PDB file of N, CA and C in Angstrom:
ATOM      1  N   MET A   1      -5.231 -58.633 -24.804  1.00  0.00           N
ATOM      2  CA  MET A   1      -3.881 -58.216 -24.483  1.00  0.00           C
ATOM      3  C   MET A   1      -3.872 -56.832 -23.839  1.00  0.00           C
ATOM      4  N   ILE A   2      -4.542 -55.891 -24.465  1.00  0.00           N
ATOM      5  CA  ILE A   2      -4.588 -54.525 -23.935  1.00  0.00           C
ATOM      6  C   ILE A   2      -5.318 -54.501 -22.601  1.00  0.00           C
ATOM      7  N   SER A   3      -6.404 -55.258 -22.495  1.00  0.00           N
ATOM      8  CA  SER A   3      -7.162 -55.241 -21.244  1.00  0.00           C
ATOM      9  C   SER A   3      -6.335 -55.822 -20.098  1.00  0.00           C
ATOM     10  N   GLY A   4      -5.476 -56.793 -20.388  1.00  0.00           N
ATOM     11  CA  GLY A   4      -4.600 -57.340 -19.361  1.00  0.00           C
ATOM     12  C   GLY A   4      -3.585 -56.319 -18.880  1.00  0.00           C
ATOM     13  N   ILE A   5      -3.068 -55.529 -19.791  1.00  0.00           N
ATOM     14  CA  ILE A   5      -2.108 -54.480 -19.437  1.00  0.00           C
ATOM     15  C   ILE A   5      -2.789 -53.395 -18.617  1.00  0.00           C
ATOM     16  N   VAL A   6      -3.992 -53.019 -19.008  1.00  0.00           N
ATOM     17  CA  VAL A   6      -4.756 -52.011 -18.263  1.00  0.00           C
ATOM     18  C   VAL A   6      -5.087 -52.534 -16.872  1.00  0.00           C
ATOM     19  N   LEU A   7      -5.498 -53.791 -16.780  1.00  0.00           N
ATOM     20  CA  LEU A   7      -5.805 -54.397 -15.481  1.00  0.00           C
ATOM     21  C   LEU A   7      -4.585 -54.387 -14.586  1.00  0.00           C
ATOM     22  N   PHE A   8      -3.444 -54.773 -15.118  1.00  0.00           N
ATOM     23  CA  PHE A   8      -2.212 -54.765 -14.336  1.00  0.00           C
ATOM     24  C   PHE A   8      -1.861 -53.354 -13.872  1.00  0.00           C
ATOM     25  N   ALA A   9      -2.019 -52.365 -14.728  1.00  0.00           N
ATOM     26  CA  ALA A   9      -1.708 -50.980 -14.365  1.00  0.00           C
ATOM     27  C   ALA A   9      -2.639 -50.476 -13.263  1.00  0.00           C
ATOM     28  N   VAL A  10      -3.921 -50.778 -13.384  1.00  0.00           N
ATOM     29  CA  VAL A  10      -4.878 -50.340 -12.364  1.00  0.00           C
ATOM     30  C   VAL A  10      -4.579 -51.008 -11.029  1.00  0.00           C
ATOM     31  N   LEU A  11      -4.307 -52.312 -11.046  1.00  0.00           N
ATOM     32  CA  LEU A  11      -3.974 -53.009  -9.801  1.00  0.00           C
ATOM     33  C   LEU A  11      -2.703 -52.452  -9.169  1.00  0.00           C
ATOM     34  N   ALA A  12      -1.713 -52.142  -9.990  1.00  0.00           N
ATOM     35  CA  ALA A  12      -0.475 -51.575  -9.462  1.00  0.00           C
ATOM     36  C   ALA A  12      -0.725 -50.220  -8.818  1.00  0.00           C
ATOM     37  N   ILE A  13      -1.539 -49.390  -9.438  1.00  0.00           N
ATOM     38  CA  ILE A  13      -1.853 -48.072  -8.877  1.00  0.00           C
ATOM     39  C   ILE A  13      -2.595 -48.211  -7.556  1.00  0.00           C
ATOM     40  N   VAL A  14      -3.569 -49.123  -7.499  1.00  0.00           N
ATOM     41  CA  VAL A  14      -4.329 -49.334  -6.263  1.00  0.00           C
ATOM     42  C   VAL A  14      -3.418 -49.823  -5.146  1.00  0.00           C
ATOM     43  N   LEU A  15      -2.565 -50.781  -5.435  1.00  0.00           N
ATOM     44  CA  LEU A  15      -1.663 -51.316  -4.414  1.00  0.00           C
ATOM     45  C   LEU A  15      -0.690 -50.265  -3.907  1.00  0.00           C
ATOM     46  N   ILE A  16      -0.123 -49.491  -4.813  1.00  0.00           N
ATOM     47  CA  ILE A  16       0.821 -48.447  -4.405  1.00  0.00           C
ATOM     48  C   ILE A  16       0.115 -47.379  -3.575  1.00  0.00           C
ATOM     49  N   ALA A  17      -1.073 -46.968  -3.999  1.00  0.00           N
ATOM     50  CA  ALA A  17      -1.808 -45.936  -3.265  1.00  0.00           C
ATOM     51  C   ALA A  17      -2.182 -46.408  -1.871  1.00  0.00           C
ATOM     52  N   CYS A  18      -2.621 -47.637  -1.744  1.00  0.00           N
ATOM     53  CA  CYS A  18      -3.024 -48.143  -0.430  1.00  0.00           C
ATOM     54  C   CYS A  18      -1.842 -48.320   0.504  1.00  0.00           C
ATOM     55  N   THR A  19      -0.729 -48.795   0.000  1.00  0.00           N
ATOM     56  CA  THR A  19       0.419 -49.000   0.874  1.00  0.00           C
ATOM     57  C   THR A  19       1.065 -47.677   1.278  1.00  0.00           C
ATOM     58  N   GLN A  20       1.049 -46.686   0.406  1.00  0.00           N
ATOM     59  CA  GLN A  20       1.663 -45.406   0.744  1.00  0.00           C
ATOM     60  C   GLN A  20       0.783 -44.529   1.620  1.00  0.00           C
ATOM     61  N   SER A  21      -0.513 -44.782   1.630  1.00  0.00           N
ATOM     62  CA  SER A  21      -1.407 -43.940   2.425  1.00  0.00           C
ATOM     63  C   SER A  21      -1.487 -44.385   3.873  1.00  0.00           C
ATOM     64  N   GLY A  22      -0.865 -45.492   4.214  1.00  0.00           N
ATOM     65  CA  GLY A  22      -0.850 -45.944   5.601  1.00  0.00           C
ATOM     66  C   GLY A  22      -2.060 -46.772   5.998  1.00  0.00           C
ATOM     67  N   ILE A  23      -2.790 -47.303   5.036  1.00  0.00           N
ATOM     68  CA  ILE A  23      -3.936 -48.154   5.355  1.00  0.00           C
ATOM     69  C   ILE A  23      -3.420 -49.465   5.928  1.00  0.00           C
ATOM     70  N   ARG A  24      -4.051 -49.906   7.007  1.00  0.00           N
ATOM     71  CA  ARG A  24      -3.689 -51.163   7.648  1.00  0.00           C
ATOM     72  C   ARG A  24      -4.932 -52.033   7.773  1.00  0.00           C
ATOM     73  N   ARG A  25      -4.762 -53.330   7.605  1.00  0.00           N
ATOM     74  CA  ARG A  25      -5.891 -54.246   7.795  1.00  0.00           C
ATOM     75  C   ARG A  25      -6.268 -54.265   9.268  1.00  0.00           C
ATOM     76  N   GLN A  26      -7.556 -54.244   9.538  1.00  0.00           N
ATOM     77  CA  GLN A  26      -8.050 -54.201  10.910  1.00  0.00           C
ATOM     78  C   GLN A  26      -8.459 -55.597  11.373  1.00  0.00           C
ATOM     79  N   SER A  27      -7.883 -56.038  12.479  1.00  0.00           N
ATOM     80  CA  SER A  27      -8.199 -57.372  12.982  1.00  0.00           C
ATOM     81  C   SER A  27      -9.438 -57.373  13.869  1.00  0.00           C
ATOM     82  N   ARG A  28      -9.810 -56.233  14.401  1.00  0.00           N
ATOM     83  CA  ARG A  28     -10.952 -56.214  15.335  1.00  0.00           C
ATOM     84  C   ARG A  28     -12.296 -56.216  14.625  1.00  0.00           C
ATOM     85  N   ASP A  29     -12.331 -55.869  13.359  1.00  0.00           N
ATOM     86  CA  ASP A  29     -13.597 -55.841  12.623  1.00  0.00           C
ATOM     87  C   ASP A  29     -13.428 -56.487  11.250  1.00  0.00           C
ATOM     88  N   GLU A  30     -12.681 -57.587  11.215  1.00  0.00           N
ATOM     89  CA  GLU A  30     -12.436 -58.208   9.924  1.00  0.00           C
ATOM     90  C   GLU A  30     -13.475 -59.286   9.638  1.00  0.00           C
ATOM     91  N   VAL A  31     -13.801 -59.424   8.370  1.00  0.00           N
ATOM     92  CA  VAL A  31     -14.705 -60.481   7.932  1.00  0.00           C
ATOM     93  C   VAL A  31     -13.906 -61.492   7.115  1.00  0.00           C
ATOM     94  N   PHE A  32     -13.247 -61.040   6.051  1.00  0.00           N
ATOM     95  CA  PHE A  32     -12.441 -61.936   5.225  1.00  0.00           C
ATOM     96  C   PHE A  32     -10.951 -61.663   5.343  1.00  0.00           C
ATOM     97  N   GLY A  33     -10.570 -60.466   5.587  1.00  0.00           N
ATOM     98  CA  GLY A  33      -9.150 -60.168   5.677  1.00  0.00           C
ATOM     99  C   GLY A  33      -8.872 -58.843   6.357  1.00  0.00           C
ATOM    100  N   GLY A  34      -9.907 -58.071   6.619  1.00  0.00           N
ATOM    101  CA  GLY A  34      -9.744 -56.787   7.275  1.00  0.00           C
ATOM    102  C   GLY A  34      -9.441 -55.639   6.342  1.00  0.00           C
ATOM    103  N   VAL A  35      -9.429 -55.895   5.036  1.00  0.00           N
ATOM    104  CA  VAL A  35      -9.083 -54.842   4.075  1.00  0.00           C
ATOM    105  C   VAL A  35     -10.166 -53.768   4.040  1.00  0.00           C
ATOM    106  N   CYS A  36     -11.420 -54.168   3.901  1.00  0.00           N
ATOM    107  CA  CYS A  36     -12.518 -53.187   3.856  1.00  0.00           C
ATOM    108  C   CYS A  36     -12.609 -52.409   5.161  1.00  0.00           C
ATOM    109  N   SER A  37     -12.370 -53.094   6.265  1.00  0.00           N
ATOM    110  CA  SER A  37     -12.401 -52.424   7.562  1.00  0.00           C
ATOM    111  C   SER A  37     -11.277 -51.396   7.675  1.00  0.00           C
ATOM    112  N   GLY A  38     -10.104 -51.740   7.176  1.00  0.00           N
ATOM    113  CA  GLY A  38      -8.980 -50.798   7.196  1.00  0.00           C
ATOM    114  C   GLY A  38      -9.215 -49.597   6.307  1.00  0.00           C
ATOM    115  N   ILE A  39      -9.799 -49.836   5.129  1.00  0.00           N
ATOM    116  CA  ILE A  39     -10.124 -48.728   4.229  1.00  0.00           C
ATOM    117  C   ILE A  39     -11.188 -47.838   4.852  1.00  0.00           C
ATOM    118  N   ALA A  40     -12.187 -48.451   5.490  1.00  0.00           N
ATOM    119  CA  ALA A  40     -13.245 -47.677   6.145  1.00  0.00           C
ATOM    120  C   ALA A  40     -12.679 -46.822   7.272  1.00  0.00           C
ATOM    121  N   MET A  41     -11.760 -47.380   8.045  1.00  0.00           N
ATOM    122  CA  MET A  41     -11.156 -46.607   9.135  1.00  0.00           C
ATOM    123  C   MET A  41     -10.361 -45.431   8.573  1.00  0.00           C
ATOM    124  N   HIS A  42      -9.673 -45.652   7.467  1.00  0.00           N
ATOM    125  CA  HIS A  42      -8.885 -44.588   6.837  1.00  0.00           C
ATOM    126  C   HIS A  42      -9.786 -43.484   6.281  1.00  0.00           C
ATOM    127  N   LEU A  43     -10.970 -43.862   5.776  1.00  0.00           N
ATOM    128  CA  LEU A  43     -11.897 -42.893   5.193  1.00  0.00           C
ATOM    129  C   LEU A  43     -12.924 -42.355   6.187  1.00  0.00           C
ATOM    130  N   ASN A  44     -12.851 -42.807   7.433  1.00  0.00           N
ATOM    131  CA  ASN A  44     -13.789 -42.396   8.489  1.00  0.00           C
ATOM    132  C   ASN A  44     -15.238 -42.690   8.110  1.00  0.00           C
ATOM    133  N   THR A  45     -15.483 -43.920   7.688  1.00  0.00           N
ATOM    134  CA  THR A  45     -16.830 -44.365   7.348  1.00  0.00           C
ATOM    135  C   THR A  45     -17.048 -45.755   7.942  1.00  0.00           C
ATOM    136  N   THR A  46     -18.199 -46.331   7.697  1.00  0.00           N
ATOM    137  CA  THR A  46     -18.495 -47.644   8.268  1.00  0.00           C
ATOM    138  C   THR A  46     -17.947 -48.749   7.363  1.00  0.00           C
ATOM    139  N   PRO A  47     -17.470 -49.830   7.960  1.00  0.00           N
ATOM    140  CA  PRO A  47     -16.965 -50.947   7.164  1.00  0.00           C
ATOM    141  C   PRO A  47     -18.041 -51.573   6.274  1.00  0.00           C
ATOM    142  N   ASN A  48     -19.290 -51.587   6.730  1.00  0.00           N
ATOM    143  CA  ASN A  48     -20.354 -52.182   5.921  1.00  0.00           C
ATOM    144  C   ASN A  48     -20.581 -51.411   4.620  1.00  0.00           C
ATOM    145  N   LEU A  49     -20.420 -50.108   4.645  1.00  0.00           N
ATOM    146  CA  LEU A  49     -20.541 -49.311   3.429  1.00  0.00           C
ATOM    147  C   LEU A  49     -19.429 -49.666   2.443  1.00  0.00           C
ATOM    148  N   VAL A  50     -18.211 -49.786   2.939  1.00  0.00           N
ATOM    149  CA  VAL A  50     -17.080 -50.142   2.076  1.00  0.00           C
ATOM    150  C   VAL A  50     -17.254 -51.562   1.545  1.00  0.00           C
ATOM    151  N   ARG A  51     -17.755 -52.465   2.374  1.00  0.00           N
ATOM    152  CA  ARG A  51     -18.003 -53.841   1.914  1.00  0.00           C
ATOM    153  C   ARG A  51     -19.057 -53.871   0.813  1.00  0.00           C
ATOM    154  N   ALA A  52     -20.120 -53.099   0.984  1.00  0.00           N
ATOM    155  CA  ALA A  52     -21.178 -53.058  -0.029  1.00  0.00           C
ATOM    156  C   ALA A  52     -20.645 -52.482  -1.343  1.00  0.00           C
ATOM    157  N   LEU A  53     -19.846 -51.430  -1.250  1.00  0.00           N
ATOM    158  CA  LEU A  53     -19.248 -50.849  -2.458  1.00  0.00           C
ATOM    159  C   LEU A  53     -18.272 -51.823  -3.121  1.00  0.00           C
ATOM    160  N   THR A  54     -17.560 -52.591  -2.317  1.00  0.00           N
ATOM    161  CA  THR A  54     -16.633 -53.582  -2.858  1.00  0.00           C
ATOM    162  C   THR A  54     -17.377 -54.656  -3.632  1.00  0.00           C
ATOM    163  N   VAL A  55     -18.488 -55.135  -3.076  1.00  0.00           N
ATOM    164  CA  VAL A  55     -19.295 -56.144  -3.771  1.00  0.00           C
ATOM    165  C   VAL A  55     -19.869 -55.564  -5.053  1.00  0.00           C
ATOM    166  N   LEU A  56     -20.368 -54.339  -4.991  1.00  0.00           N
ATOM    167  CA  LEU A  56     -20.919 -53.690  -6.179  1.00  0.00           C
ATOM    168  C   LEU A  56     -19.848 -53.522  -7.258  1.00  0.00           C
ATOM    169  N   LEU A  57     -18.673 -53.075  -6.863  1.00  0.00           N
ATOM    170  CA  LEU A  57     -17.576 -52.920  -7.826  1.00  0.00           C
ATOM    171  C   LEU A  57     -17.127 -54.266  -8.385  1.00  0.00           C
ATOM    172  N   ALA A  58     -17.149 -55.303  -7.560  1.00  0.00           N
ATOM    173  CA  ALA A  58     -16.771 -56.636  -8.043  1.00  0.00           C
ATOM    174  C   ALA A  58     -17.744 -57.122  -9.104  1.00  0.00           C
ATOM    175  N   LEU A  59     -19.015 -56.835  -8.916  1.00  0.00           N
ATOM    176  CA  LEU A  59     -20.019 -57.227  -9.910  1.00  0.00           C
ATOM    177  C   LEU A  59     -19.873 -56.422 -11.196  1.00  0.00           C
ATOM    178  N   CYS A  60     -19.538 -55.142 -11.064  1.00  0.00           N
ATOM    179  CA  CYS A  60     -19.426 -54.269 -12.235  1.00  0.00           C
ATOM    180  C   CYS A  60     -18.139 -54.495 -13.023  1.00  0.00           C
ATOM    181  N   THR A  61     -17.084 -54.939 -12.370  1.00  0.00           N
ATOM    182  CA  THR A  61     -15.794 -55.087 -13.045  1.00  0.00           C
ATOM    183  C   THR A  61     -15.477 -56.525 -13.417  1.00  0.00           C
ATOM    184  N   GLY A  62     -16.408 -57.411 -13.209  1.00  0.00           N
ATOM    185  CA  GLY A  62     -16.167 -58.798 -13.570  1.00  0.00           C
ATOM    186  C   GLY A  62     -15.182 -59.508 -12.666  1.00  0.00           C
ATOM    187  N   GLY A  63     -15.064 -59.060 -11.445  1.00  0.00           N
ATOM    188  CA  GLY A  63     -14.198 -59.725 -10.476  1.00  0.00           C
ATOM    189  C   GLY A  63     -12.819 -59.143 -10.329  1.00  0.00           C
ATOM    190  N   THR A  64     -12.508 -58.083 -11.029  1.00  0.00           N
ATOM    191  CA  THR A  64     -11.188 -57.466 -10.912  1.00  0.00           C
ATOM    192  C   THR A  64     -10.927 -56.971  -9.497  1.00  0.00           C
ATOM    193  N   VAL A  65     -11.955 -56.479  -8.859  1.00  0.00           N
ATOM    194  CA  VAL A  65     -11.814 -55.975  -7.488  1.00  0.00           C
ATOM    195  C   VAL A  65     -11.461 -57.114  -6.534  1.00  0.00           C
ATOM    196  N   ILE A  66     -11.940 -58.306  -6.825  1.00  0.00           N
ATOM    197  CA  ILE A  66     -11.620 -59.458  -5.977  1.00  0.00           C
ATOM    198  C   ILE A  66     -10.124 -59.747  -6.029  1.00  0.00           C
ATOM    199  N   LEU A  67      -9.537 -59.647  -7.202  1.00  0.00           N
ATOM    200  CA  LEU A  67      -8.093 -59.840  -7.333  1.00  0.00           C
ATOM    201  C   LEU A  67      -7.337 -58.774  -6.557  1.00  0.00           C
ATOM    202  N   ALA A  68      -7.774 -57.527  -6.649  1.00  0.00           N
ATOM    203  CA  ALA A  68      -7.136 -56.443  -5.895  1.00  0.00           C
ATOM    204  C   ALA A  68      -7.278 -56.680  -4.392  1.00  0.00           C
ATOM    205  N   TYR A  69      -8.445 -57.161  -3.956  1.00  0.00           N
ATOM    206  CA  TYR A  69      -8.684 -57.433  -2.538  1.00  0.00           C
ATOM    207  C   TYR A  69      -7.732 -58.515  -2.037  1.00  0.00           C
ATOM    208  N   ILE A  70      -7.586 -59.574  -2.809  1.00  0.00           N
ATOM    209  CA  ILE A  70      -6.691 -60.661  -2.407  1.00  0.00           C
ATOM    210  C   ILE A  70      -5.252 -60.169  -2.326  1.00  0.00           C
ATOM    211  N   LEU A  71      -4.842 -59.373  -3.291  1.00  0.00           N
ATOM    212  CA  LEU A  71      -3.487 -58.818  -3.256  1.00  0.00           C
ATOM    213  C   LEU A  71      -3.293 -57.898  -2.058  1.00  0.00           C
ATOM    214  N   LEU A  72      -4.309 -57.102  -1.742  1.00  0.00           N
ATOM    215  CA  LEU A  72      -4.209 -56.210  -0.578  1.00  0.00           C
ATOM    216  C   LEU A  72      -4.138 -56.998   0.724  1.00  0.00           C
ATOM    217  N   CYS A  73      -4.760 -58.157   0.770  1.00  0.00           N
ATOM    218  CA  CYS A  73      -4.657 -59.005   1.968  1.00  0.00           C
ATOM    219  C   CYS A  73      -3.212 -59.400   2.238  1.00  0.00           C
ATOM    220  N   PHE A  74      -2.435 -59.575   1.183  1.00  0.00           N
ATOM    221  CA  PHE A  74      -1.036 -59.967   1.352  1.00  0.00           C
ATOM    222  C   PHE A  74      -0.109 -58.771   1.513  1.00  0.00           C
ATOM    223  N   VAL A  75      -0.466 -57.633   0.929  1.00  0.00           N
ATOM    224  CA  VAL A  75       0.435 -56.476   0.911  1.00  0.00           C
ATOM    225  C   VAL A  75       0.265 -55.588   2.147  1.00  0.00           C
ATOM    226  N   LEU A  76      -0.982 -55.341   2.542  1.00  0.00           N
ATOM    227  CA  LEU A  76      -1.217 -54.414   3.658  1.00  0.00           C
ATOM    228  C   LEU A  76      -0.822 -55.053   4.993  1.00  0.00           C
ATOM    229  N   PRO A  77      -0.160 -54.288   5.836  1.00  0.00           N
ATOM    230  CA  PRO A  77       0.178 -54.818   7.166  1.00  0.00           C
ATOM    231  C   PRO A  77      -1.055 -54.863   8.060  1.00  0.00           C
ATOM    232  N   LYS A  78      -1.042 -55.771   9.020  1.00  0.00           N
ATOM    233  CA  LYS A  78      -2.141 -55.902   9.964  1.00  0.00           C
ATOM    234  C   LYS A  78      -1.841 -55.045  11.180  1.00  0.00           C
ATOM    235  N   ASP A  79      -2.884 -54.473  11.770  1.00  0.00           N
ATOM    236  CA  ASP A  79      -2.672 -53.626  12.957  1.00  0.00           C
ATOM    237  C   ASP A  79      -2.298 -54.439  14.166  1.00  0.00           C
TER     238      ASP A  79
END
């Protein structure tokens, strides 16, 4: 029960932070949805680095990052 509430709070914070910071999904370098590419462009780094970190975080969090990624695919606007 508590872990579900914490998960929901973390996802809400991530979604709000990404939408307010002006991150946009990138269509020119997208693999699954352009989310990692958009985050990489916002952070001035390579998309492959962000993708690798996303996979690593997904393995460490038991897939929670995958849920956040799917939600960001629907929430973030496309360029």
